Protein backbone atom coordinates (compact mmCIF):
# COMPACT_ATOMS: atom_id res chain seq x y z
CA UNK A 1 -27.35 28.80 -27.64
CA UNK A 2 -25.06 25.90 -26.69
CA UNK A 3 -21.72 26.72 -25.13
CA UNK A 4 -18.70 25.30 -26.94
CA UNK A 5 -16.64 22.85 -24.93
CA UNK A 6 -13.06 23.97 -24.45
CA UNK A 7 -10.43 21.65 -25.93
CA UNK A 8 -7.29 20.44 -24.16
CA UNK A 9 -4.80 23.11 -23.22
CA UNK A 10 -1.66 23.41 -25.36
CA UNK A 11 1.81 23.72 -23.87
CA UNK A 12 4.83 25.18 -25.67
CA UNK A 13 8.38 23.95 -25.12
CA UNK A 14 9.23 27.20 -23.34
CA UNK A 15 6.29 26.82 -20.94
CA UNK A 16 7.23 23.23 -20.20
CA UNK A 17 10.82 24.21 -19.44
CA UNK A 18 9.59 26.99 -17.16
CA UNK A 19 7.47 24.56 -15.15
CA UNK A 20 10.41 22.16 -14.95
CA UNK A 21 12.61 24.92 -13.63
CA UNK A 22 10.10 25.33 -10.79
CA UNK A 23 10.53 21.66 -9.85
CA UNK A 24 7.72 20.01 -11.83
CA UNK A 25 7.94 16.47 -13.21
CA UNK A 26 6.28 16.31 -16.63
CA UNK A 27 5.97 13.32 -18.97
CA UNK A 28 4.58 13.24 -22.50
CA UNK A 29 2.99 10.35 -24.37
CA UNK A 30 2.17 10.96 -28.03
CA UNK A 31 1.98 14.71 -27.31
CA UNK A 32 -0.31 14.15 -24.32
CA UNK A 33 1.28 15.89 -21.33
CA UNK A 34 1.08 14.56 -17.75
CA UNK A 35 2.12 16.32 -14.55
CA UNK A 36 3.44 13.68 -12.11
CA UNK A 37 4.87 16.17 -9.63
CA UNK A 38 2.54 15.14 -6.82
CA UNK A 39 2.88 11.41 -7.46
CA UNK A 40 6.55 10.87 -8.24
CA UNK A 41 7.63 10.67 -4.58
CA UNK A 42 5.19 7.79 -4.02
CA UNK A 43 6.51 5.74 -6.93
CA UNK A 44 9.30 3.19 -6.26
CA UNK A 45 12.51 5.23 -6.42
CA UNK A 46 10.61 8.48 -6.61
CA UNK A 47 12.56 11.70 -6.96
CA UNK A 48 15.89 9.99 -6.26
CA UNK A 49 15.59 7.89 -9.39
CA UNK A 50 14.33 10.76 -11.53
CA UNK A 51 17.22 12.95 -10.49
CA UNK A 52 19.68 10.26 -11.51
CA UNK A 53 17.96 9.36 -14.79
CA UNK A 54 16.71 12.67 -16.13
CA UNK A 55 16.38 12.55 -19.90
CA UNK A 56 16.29 8.74 -20.09
CA UNK A 57 13.46 6.44 -21.13
CA UNK A 58 10.35 7.12 -19.03
CA UNK A 59 9.75 3.44 -18.23
CA UNK A 60 13.22 3.22 -16.69
CA UNK A 61 12.87 6.54 -14.91
CA UNK A 62 9.55 5.84 -13.26
CA UNK A 63 9.73 2.12 -12.57
CA UNK A 64 12.75 1.67 -10.35
CA UNK A 65 13.69 -1.97 -10.91
CA UNK A 66 12.88 -2.43 -14.65
CA UNK A 67 9.51 -4.05 -15.23
CA UNK A 68 6.54 -3.95 -17.54
CA UNK A 69 3.81 -1.40 -16.93
CA UNK A 70 0.39 -2.92 -16.26
CA UNK A 71 -2.87 -1.74 -17.79
CA UNK A 72 -3.76 -0.24 -14.40
CA UNK A 73 -0.53 1.77 -14.40
CA UNK A 74 -1.43 3.21 -17.80
CA UNK A 75 -4.93 4.08 -16.64
CA UNK A 76 -3.38 5.67 -13.55
CA UNK A 77 -1.28 7.95 -15.76
CA UNK A 78 -4.43 9.49 -17.26
CA UNK A 79 -5.37 11.01 -13.90
CA UNK A 80 -2.50 13.46 -14.30
CA UNK A 81 -3.31 14.60 -17.85
CA UNK A 82 -2.91 18.37 -18.14
CA UNK A 83 -2.96 19.05 -21.91
CA UNK A 84 -1.18 18.64 -25.23
CA UNK A 85 2.29 19.57 -26.45
CA UNK A 86 2.26 22.02 -29.33
CA UNK A 87 3.13 20.40 -32.69
CA UNK A 88 6.87 20.07 -33.20
CA UNK A 89 7.68 19.97 -29.46
CA UNK A 90 7.27 16.22 -28.93
CA UNK A 91 10.98 15.56 -28.42
CA UNK A 92 11.74 18.44 -26.03
CA UNK A 93 14.17 17.47 -23.27
CA UNK A 94 15.52 19.25 -20.19
CA UNK A 95 18.01 22.01 -20.93
CA UNK A 96 20.83 20.70 -18.81
CA UNK A 97 21.35 17.89 -16.37
CA UNK A 98 23.25 20.25 -14.13
CA UNK A 99 20.13 22.34 -13.55
CA UNK A 100 18.42 21.08 -10.36
CA UNK A 101 14.98 22.18 -11.54
CA UNK A 102 15.14 20.83 -15.08
CA UNK A 103 16.52 17.54 -13.81
CA UNK A 104 13.03 16.65 -12.61
CA UNK A 105 11.49 17.13 -16.04
CA UNK A 106 11.17 14.29 -18.54
CA UNK A 107 9.65 15.09 -21.92
CA UNK A 108 9.63 12.08 -24.22
CA UNK A 109 7.75 11.19 -27.36
CA UNK A 110 6.95 7.59 -26.51
CA UNK A 111 4.17 6.06 -24.47
CA UNK A 112 5.09 3.50 -21.81
CA UNK A 113 4.66 0.06 -23.34
CA UNK A 114 1.74 0.97 -25.59
CA UNK A 115 1.10 2.82 -28.81
CA UNK A 116 -2.21 4.33 -27.73
CA UNK A 117 -3.04 6.45 -24.73
CA UNK A 118 -5.22 4.75 -22.15
CA UNK A 119 -8.47 6.32 -21.03
CA UNK A 120 -9.75 6.02 -17.50
CA UNK A 121 -12.74 3.71 -17.05
CA UNK A 122 -16.06 5.43 -16.61
CA UNK A 123 -16.89 6.08 -12.97
CA UNK A 124 -19.51 3.67 -11.68
CA UNK A 125 -20.03 5.53 -8.39
CA UNK A 126 -20.76 9.08 -7.32
CA UNK A 127 -17.54 10.32 -5.71
CA UNK A 128 -19.38 13.25 -4.15
CA UNK A 129 -21.28 10.85 -1.89
CA UNK A 130 -20.10 8.21 0.63
CA UNK A 131 -18.97 5.10 -1.25
CA UNK A 132 -19.70 2.40 1.33
CA UNK A 133 -23.42 2.29 0.56
CA UNK A 134 -22.88 2.45 -3.23
CA UNK A 135 -20.39 -0.33 -3.93
CA UNK A 136 -22.79 -3.17 -3.11
CA UNK A 137 -24.89 -2.20 -6.12
CA UNK A 138 -21.97 -2.71 -8.52
CA UNK A 139 -22.60 -6.46 -8.45
CA UNK A 140 -20.47 -8.34 -10.98
CA UNK A 141 -18.66 -5.11 -11.89
CA UNK A 142 -17.32 -4.63 -8.35
CA UNK A 143 -14.28 -6.91 -8.51
CA UNK A 144 -12.90 -5.26 -11.66
CA UNK A 145 -13.77 -1.75 -10.47
CA UNK A 146 -12.15 -2.09 -7.05
CA UNK A 147 -8.88 -3.29 -8.62
CA UNK A 148 -8.58 -0.25 -10.88
CA UNK A 149 -6.75 2.18 -8.54
CA UNK A 150 -7.35 5.92 -8.41
CA UNK A 151 -5.47 8.72 -6.68
CA UNK A 152 -8.18 10.46 -4.69
CA UNK A 153 -9.49 10.42 -1.10
CA UNK A 154 -12.39 8.16 -0.18
CA UNK A 155 -15.36 9.03 2.02
CA UNK A 156 -17.11 6.00 3.49
CA UNK A 157 -19.85 7.27 5.81
CA UNK A 158 -22.50 9.99 5.90
CA UNK A 159 -21.87 10.40 9.63
CA UNK A 160 -19.01 12.73 10.43
CA UNK A 161 -18.25 10.80 13.64
CA UNK A 162 -18.02 7.43 11.88
CA UNK A 163 -15.99 8.98 9.08
CA UNK A 164 -13.56 10.43 11.64
CA UNK A 165 -13.21 7.05 13.39
CA UNK A 166 -12.51 5.31 10.06
CA UNK A 167 -9.43 7.47 9.38
CA UNK A 168 -6.12 7.22 11.18
CA UNK A 169 -2.76 8.98 10.95
CA UNK A 170 0.21 6.62 11.03
CA UNK A 171 1.60 7.97 14.31
CA UNK A 172 -1.66 7.19 16.14
CA UNK A 173 -0.81 3.47 15.91
CA UNK A 174 2.46 4.12 17.74
CA UNK A 175 0.83 6.40 20.32
CA UNK A 176 -1.91 3.89 21.16
CA UNK A 177 -0.22 0.49 20.92
CA UNK A 178 3.48 1.05 21.67
CA UNK A 179 2.76 1.83 25.37
CA UNK A 180 0.63 -1.33 25.53
CA UNK A 181 3.52 -3.40 24.17
CA UNK A 182 5.96 -1.88 26.68
CA UNK A 183 3.63 -2.40 29.63
CA UNK A 184 2.73 -6.01 28.84
CA UNK A 185 6.36 -6.80 28.06
CA UNK A 186 7.27 -5.68 31.59
CA UNK A 187 4.35 -7.66 33.06
CA UNK A 188 5.34 -10.78 31.09
CA UNK A 189 9.01 -10.60 32.09
CA UNK A 190 8.34 -9.97 35.79
CA UNK A 191 5.75 -12.76 35.85
CA UNK A 192 8.23 -15.23 34.35
CA UNK A 193 10.84 -14.04 36.85
CA UNK A 194 8.69 -15.35 39.71
CA UNK A 195 9.48 -18.88 38.51
CA UNK A 196 5.91 -20.17 38.68
CA UNK A 197 5.33 -20.66 34.97
CA UNK A 198 5.62 -24.21 33.66
CA UNK A 199 4.83 -25.60 30.21
CA UNK A 200 2.50 -28.62 30.00
CA UNK A 201 1.56 -28.21 33.67
CA UNK A 202 -2.12 -28.68 32.78
CA UNK A 203 -1.34 -32.22 31.52
CA UNK A 204 1.34 -33.42 33.93
CA UNK A 205 3.17 -32.06 36.93
CA UNK A 206 6.02 -34.57 36.85
CA UNK A 207 7.19 -33.73 33.32
CA UNK A 208 6.17 -30.08 33.06
CA UNK A 209 8.90 -27.73 31.86
CA UNK A 210 9.79 -24.56 33.78
CA UNK A 211 9.88 -21.38 31.67
CA UNK A 212 12.76 -19.13 32.73
CA UNK A 213 12.54 -15.34 32.51
CA UNK A 214 15.32 -15.33 29.93
CA UNK A 215 12.98 -17.20 27.59
CA UNK A 216 10.87 -14.05 27.19
CA UNK A 217 12.77 -12.61 24.15
CA UNK A 218 12.43 -15.91 22.29
CA UNK A 219 8.72 -16.24 23.08
CA UNK A 220 8.33 -12.60 22.03
CA UNK A 221 9.91 -13.42 18.66
CA UNK A 222 7.60 -16.42 18.30
CA UNK A 223 4.70 -13.99 18.68
CA UNK A 224 6.07 -11.79 15.88
CA UNK A 225 6.57 -14.86 13.68
CA UNK A 226 3.02 -16.09 14.31
CA UNK A 227 1.67 -12.61 13.56
CA UNK A 228 3.43 -12.60 10.18
CA UNK A 229 1.69 -15.87 9.30
CA UNK A 230 -1.66 -14.64 10.58
CA UNK A 231 -1.29 -11.38 8.64
CA UNK A 232 -0.56 -13.33 5.45
CA UNK A 233 -3.60 -15.58 5.92
CA UNK A 234 -5.92 -12.66 6.70
CA UNK A 235 -4.60 -10.64 3.76
CA UNK A 236 -4.94 -13.50 1.32
CA UNK A 237 -8.14 -15.27 2.36
CA UNK A 238 -10.22 -12.51 3.98
CA UNK A 239 -9.08 -9.23 2.48
CA UNK A 240 -8.77 -10.72 -1.00
CA UNK A 241 -11.87 -12.85 -1.03
CA UNK A 242 -14.03 -12.32 -4.10
CA UNK A 243 -17.48 -11.49 -2.74
CA UNK A 244 -20.47 -13.02 -4.58
CA UNK A 245 -21.73 -10.60 -7.21
CA UNK A 246 -25.31 -10.92 -5.94
CA UNK A 247 -24.51 -10.29 -2.27
CA UNK A 248 -24.75 -6.58 -1.46
CA UNK A 249 -23.60 -7.02 2.15
CA UNK A 250 -20.49 -9.10 1.45
CA UNK A 251 -19.39 -6.63 -1.23
CA UNK A 252 -19.91 -3.78 1.24
CA UNK A 253 -17.97 -5.67 3.93
CA UNK A 254 -15.10 -6.41 1.54
CA UNK A 255 -14.86 -2.75 0.56
CA UNK A 256 -14.87 -1.69 4.21
CA UNK A 257 -12.13 -4.19 5.18
CA UNK A 258 -9.74 -3.86 2.26
CA UNK A 259 -11.38 -2.90 -1.03
CA UNK A 260 -11.17 0.80 -0.20
CA UNK A 261 -7.39 0.45 0.13
CA UNK A 262 -7.02 -1.15 -3.30
CA UNK A 263 -9.28 1.46 -4.89
CA UNK A 264 -7.29 4.36 -3.41
CA UNK A 265 -3.91 2.93 -2.37
CA UNK A 266 -2.31 6.30 -1.60
CA UNK A 267 -5.03 7.72 0.65
CA UNK A 268 -2.74 8.39 3.62
CA UNK A 269 -5.58 8.47 6.16
CA UNK A 270 -6.62 4.88 5.37
CA UNK A 271 -3.30 3.01 5.36
CA UNK A 272 -3.28 1.89 9.00
CA UNK A 273 -5.96 0.17 11.08
CA UNK A 274 -8.08 2.58 13.20
CA UNK A 275 -7.63 1.96 16.96
CA UNK A 276 -11.33 1.38 17.78
CA UNK A 277 -11.95 -1.60 15.44
CA UNK A 278 -8.34 -2.74 15.98
CA UNK A 279 -8.95 -3.02 19.73
CA UNK A 280 -11.82 -5.45 19.10
CA UNK A 281 -9.68 -7.70 16.88
CA UNK A 282 -6.69 -7.50 19.23
CA UNK A 283 -8.91 -8.33 22.21
CA UNK A 284 -10.26 -11.39 20.38
CA UNK A 285 -6.78 -12.80 19.71
CA UNK A 286 -5.74 -12.07 23.31
CA UNK A 287 -8.66 -14.16 24.51
CA UNK A 288 -7.78 -17.02 22.15
CA UNK A 289 -4.17 -17.12 23.37
CA UNK A 290 -5.29 -17.10 27.01
CA UNK A 291 -7.42 -20.18 26.31
CA UNK A 292 -4.74 -22.07 24.34
CA UNK A 293 -1.68 -21.30 26.49
CA UNK A 294 -0.83 -20.82 30.17
CA UNK A 295 -1.71 -17.26 31.19
CA UNK A 296 1.81 -15.82 31.24
CA UNK A 297 2.93 -17.65 28.07
CA UNK A 298 -0.19 -16.47 26.27
CA UNK A 299 0.61 -12.91 27.31
CA UNK A 300 4.22 -13.24 26.08
CA UNK A 301 3.10 -14.49 22.66
CA UNK A 302 0.38 -11.85 22.52
CA UNK A 303 2.72 -8.94 23.20
CA UNK A 304 5.13 -10.20 20.51
CA UNK A 305 2.25 -10.46 18.05
CA UNK A 306 1.09 -6.95 18.93
CA UNK A 307 4.61 -5.65 18.27
CA UNK A 308 4.53 -7.47 14.93
CA UNK A 309 1.28 -5.70 14.11
CA UNK A 310 2.82 -2.29 14.84
CA UNK A 311 5.81 -3.09 12.63
CA UNK A 312 3.44 -4.27 9.89
CA UNK A 313 1.37 -1.07 9.95
CA UNK A 314 4.45 1.17 9.96
CA UNK A 315 6.13 -0.71 7.10
CA UNK A 316 2.91 -0.78 5.09
CA UNK A 317 2.49 2.97 5.47
CA UNK A 318 6.10 3.56 4.43
CA UNK A 319 5.75 1.34 1.37
CA UNK A 320 2.98 3.65 0.15
CA UNK A 321 4.27 7.05 1.27
CA UNK A 322 8.00 6.62 1.73
CA UNK A 323 10.81 6.98 -0.78
CA UNK A 324 13.38 4.31 0.15
CA UNK A 325 16.89 4.50 -1.21
CA UNK A 326 17.60 2.47 -4.34
CA UNK A 327 19.10 -0.93 -3.63
CA UNK A 328 17.77 -1.21 -0.06
CA UNK A 329 15.48 -3.96 1.20
CA UNK A 330 12.55 -1.54 1.54
CA UNK A 331 13.12 -0.28 -2.01
CA UNK A 332 12.63 -3.77 -3.42
CA UNK A 333 9.72 -4.43 -1.06
CA UNK A 334 7.99 -1.24 -2.21
CA UNK A 335 8.31 -2.24 -5.87
CA UNK A 336 6.96 -5.68 -4.94
CA UNK A 337 3.97 -4.22 -3.10
CA UNK A 338 3.17 -1.77 -5.90
CA UNK A 339 3.06 -4.76 -8.26
CA UNK A 340 0.51 -6.35 -5.92
CA UNK A 341 -1.70 -3.26 -6.15
CA UNK A 342 -1.46 -2.56 -9.85
CA UNK A 343 -1.04 -5.91 -11.56
CA UNK A 344 -0.90 -9.01 -9.32
CA UNK A 345 -3.74 -8.61 -6.83
CA UNK A 346 -4.01 -12.39 -6.37
CA UNK A 347 -0.38 -12.83 -5.34
CA UNK A 348 2.35 -10.96 -3.46
CA UNK A 349 0.50 -10.88 -0.12
CA UNK A 350 3.59 -10.38 2.05
CA UNK A 351 3.96 -6.88 3.48
CA UNK A 352 6.92 -6.96 5.87
CA UNK A 353 8.53 -9.88 4.07
CA UNK A 354 7.93 -12.13 1.07
CA UNK A 355 8.67 -15.18 3.27
CA UNK A 356 5.15 -16.69 3.32
CA UNK A 357 4.69 -16.11 -0.42
CA UNK A 358 7.29 -18.83 -1.04
CA UNK A 359 5.73 -21.86 0.73
CA UNK A 360 2.19 -20.84 -0.26
CA UNK A 361 3.28 -20.29 -3.88
CA UNK A 362 1.90 -16.76 -4.18
CA UNK A 363 5.20 -15.07 -5.02
CA UNK A 364 5.02 -12.49 -7.80
CA UNK A 365 7.15 -13.90 -10.67
CA UNK A 366 10.53 -12.21 -11.06
CA UNK A 367 10.07 -11.91 -14.81
CA UNK A 368 7.24 -9.39 -14.29
CA UNK A 369 9.83 -6.95 -12.95
CA UNK A 370 11.80 -7.05 -16.18
CA UNK A 371 11.34 -4.43 -18.84
CA UNK A 372 9.10 -5.39 -21.73
CA UNK A 373 11.00 -5.44 -25.03
């Protein structure tokens, strides 16, 4: 005899209030109830904004700077579906704004920017198995699939060793590369202090320009500036290339480099570059600079660029897992980066700054941050 499938769980107003009193953040959409407690801190504004806007419109409470919700944001909401409100409880609100627990609870009877709830797309991969060897078979479906974010961890490899090496905690970047920056900064400065470094010496000795040790901070900043440009170009043209639908290997490579991050943007173990592959890339750029510039100058630019990379990785991690204060630079940058992930994947490539998005005309339009009427 077939077993009956259990329907969605029903929640009464009293039960909802009780969960709110324990610190939960609940949102309803046409009686469908969602528990955003685990996610709210990651959203632009996070708990700070909810605490200040409890009982207001959900689009204002969850969006930070007012903007329209994308289709991906609506699909994302469905991951947190927990059940249905009992009939007659659709308009339940927190008991009192003075109550610290209930202040985190928003129960509203309207969906965000749509009149119908949005169902998650059918999974095209087996999440119980490593994804790296599956995505290449998605073919023409890959590009759409990889840009529909989910909130779940990703496993790439069968091998436990390779899987371990593909994951990195944010502080590992500081532990590995900060000492390298400090050491090479000292080497660069002391080398310049010897007074033997001259610019254009390989072309002419009569008109070569001596490089004083006090030039080091400026050359260091040039390295950071060049890194910001390089990071933009890599992010835009390599990480966001659209691999041919019939090329299994290029799809797999794209997913390994950046697609995994867009599929699961809040997987904390995959937000910074692992040291082993990073060392290969960093070594390559060190070699290029040594060929293009005098040895000491190349080292000065390199160490500035490496510092820029560390700043980039730390800021990028914070944009995904931090909760910046409303009105700060990082608050606006986080909202901007979330837009890149959920709605404008072909623009908004700046991480530390939007600077390069201006001359390359890839800036996310300001009107997309305004609330939809």
